[in-house]
């Protein structure tokens, strides 16, 4: 059985796009994790100090 294989330049383009997407997801997760802590603190402290 033969499977189609993209040319190397197309494979590199796909890999580059995939890496950009996964890097963006990782960045968003980091930002979300960091922004969650202050909200938890505000909630637990009752708002203003």
C-alpha atoms as a PDB file:
ATOM      1  CA  UNK A   1       0.000   0.000   0.000  1.00  0.00           C
ATOM      2  CA  UNK A   2       1.401   3.383  -0.976  1.00  0.00           C
ATOM      3  CA  UNK A   3       0.713   6.503   1.038  1.00  0.00           C
ATOM      4  CA  UNK A   4       0.972   9.996  -0.398  1.00  0.00           C
ATOM      5  CA  UNK A   5       3.894  12.025   0.887  1.00  0.00           C
ATOM      6  CA  UNK A   6       4.056  15.794   0.632  1.00  0.00           C
ATOM      7  CA  UNK A   7       7.166  17.399  -0.814  1.00  0.00           C
ATOM      8  CA  UNK A   8       9.759  18.346   1.795  1.00  0.00           C
ATOM      9  CA  UNK A   9       9.086  22.094   1.494  1.00  0.00           C
ATOM     10  CA  UNK A  10       5.367  21.502   2.191  1.00  0.00           C
ATOM     11  CA  UNK A  11       6.216  19.265   5.158  1.00  0.00           C
ATOM     12  CA  UNK A  12       8.423  22.009   6.593  1.00  0.00           C
ATOM     13  CA  UNK A  13       5.655  24.579   6.111  1.00  0.00           C
ATOM     14  CA  UNK A  14       3.180  22.337   7.937  1.00  0.00           C
ATOM     15  CA  UNK A  15       5.681  21.723  10.750  1.00  0.00           C
ATOM     16  CA  UNK A  16       6.349  25.456  11.080  1.00  0.00           C
ATOM     17  CA  UNK A  17       2.620  26.239  11.292  1.00  0.00           C
ATOM     18  CA  UNK A  18       2.088  23.432  13.816  1.00  0.00           C
ATOM     19  CA  UNK A  19       4.942  24.713  15.992  1.00  0.00           C
ATOM     20  CA  UNK A  20       3.560  28.254  15.883  1.00  0.00           C
ATOM     21  CA  UNK A  21       0.152  26.985  17.015  1.00  0.00           C
ATOM     22  CA  UNK A  22       1.525  24.804  19.820  1.00  0.00           C
ATOM     23  CA  UNK A  23       3.798  27.625  21.026  1.00  0.00           C
ATOM     24  CA  UNK A  24       0.807  29.992  21.101  1.00  0.00           C
ATOM     25  CA  UNK A  25      -1.243  27.465  23.080  1.00  0.00           C
ATOM     26  CA  UNK A  26       1.588  27.070  25.602  1.00  0.00           C
ATOM     27  CA  UNK A  27       1.849  30.849  25.957  1.00  0.00           C
ATOM     28  CA  UNK A  28      -1.911  31.178  26.501  1.00  0.00           C
ATOM     29  CA  UNK A  29      -1.818  28.452  29.157  1.00  0.00           C
ATOM     30  CA  UNK A  30       1.016  30.223  30.970  1.00  0.00           C
ATOM     31  CA  UNK A  31      -0.834  33.544  30.858  1.00  0.00           C
ATOM     32  CA  UNK A  32      -4.042  31.900  32.111  1.00  0.00           C
ATOM     33  CA  UNK A  33      -2.232  30.166  34.979  1.00  0.00           C
ATOM     34  CA  UNK A  34      -0.561  33.399  36.063  1.00  0.00           C
ATOM     35  CA  UNK A  35      -3.770  35.407  35.846  1.00  0.00           C
ATOM     36  CA  UNK A  36      -5.740  32.862  37.903  1.00  0.00           C
ATOM     37  CA  UNK A  37      -3.728  33.369  41.089  1.00  0.00           C
ATOM     38  CA  UNK A  38      -4.568  37.055  41.641  1.00  0.00           C
ATOM     39  CA  UNK A  39      -8.289  36.381  41.138  1.00  0.00           C
ATOM     40  CA  UNK A  40      -8.185  33.581  43.703  1.00  0.00           C
ATOM     41  CA  UNK A  41      -6.436  35.916  46.132  1.00  0.00           C
ATOM     42  CA  UNK A  42      -9.005  38.661  45.618  1.00  0.00           C
ATOM     43  CA  UNK A  43     -11.831  36.172  46.144  1.00  0.00           C
ATOM     44  CA  UNK A  44     -10.303  34.726  49.326  1.00  0.00           C
ATOM     45  CA  UNK A  45      -9.469  38.138  50.802  1.00  0.00           C
ATOM     46  CA  UNK A  46     -12.912  39.545  50.142  1.00  0.00           C
ATOM     47  CA  UNK A  47     -11.857  42.078  47.539  1.00  0.00           C
ATOM     48  CA  UNK A  48      -9.974  45.187  48.580  1.00  0.00           C
ATOM     49  CA  UNK A  49      -7.271  45.097  51.232  1.00  0.00           C
END
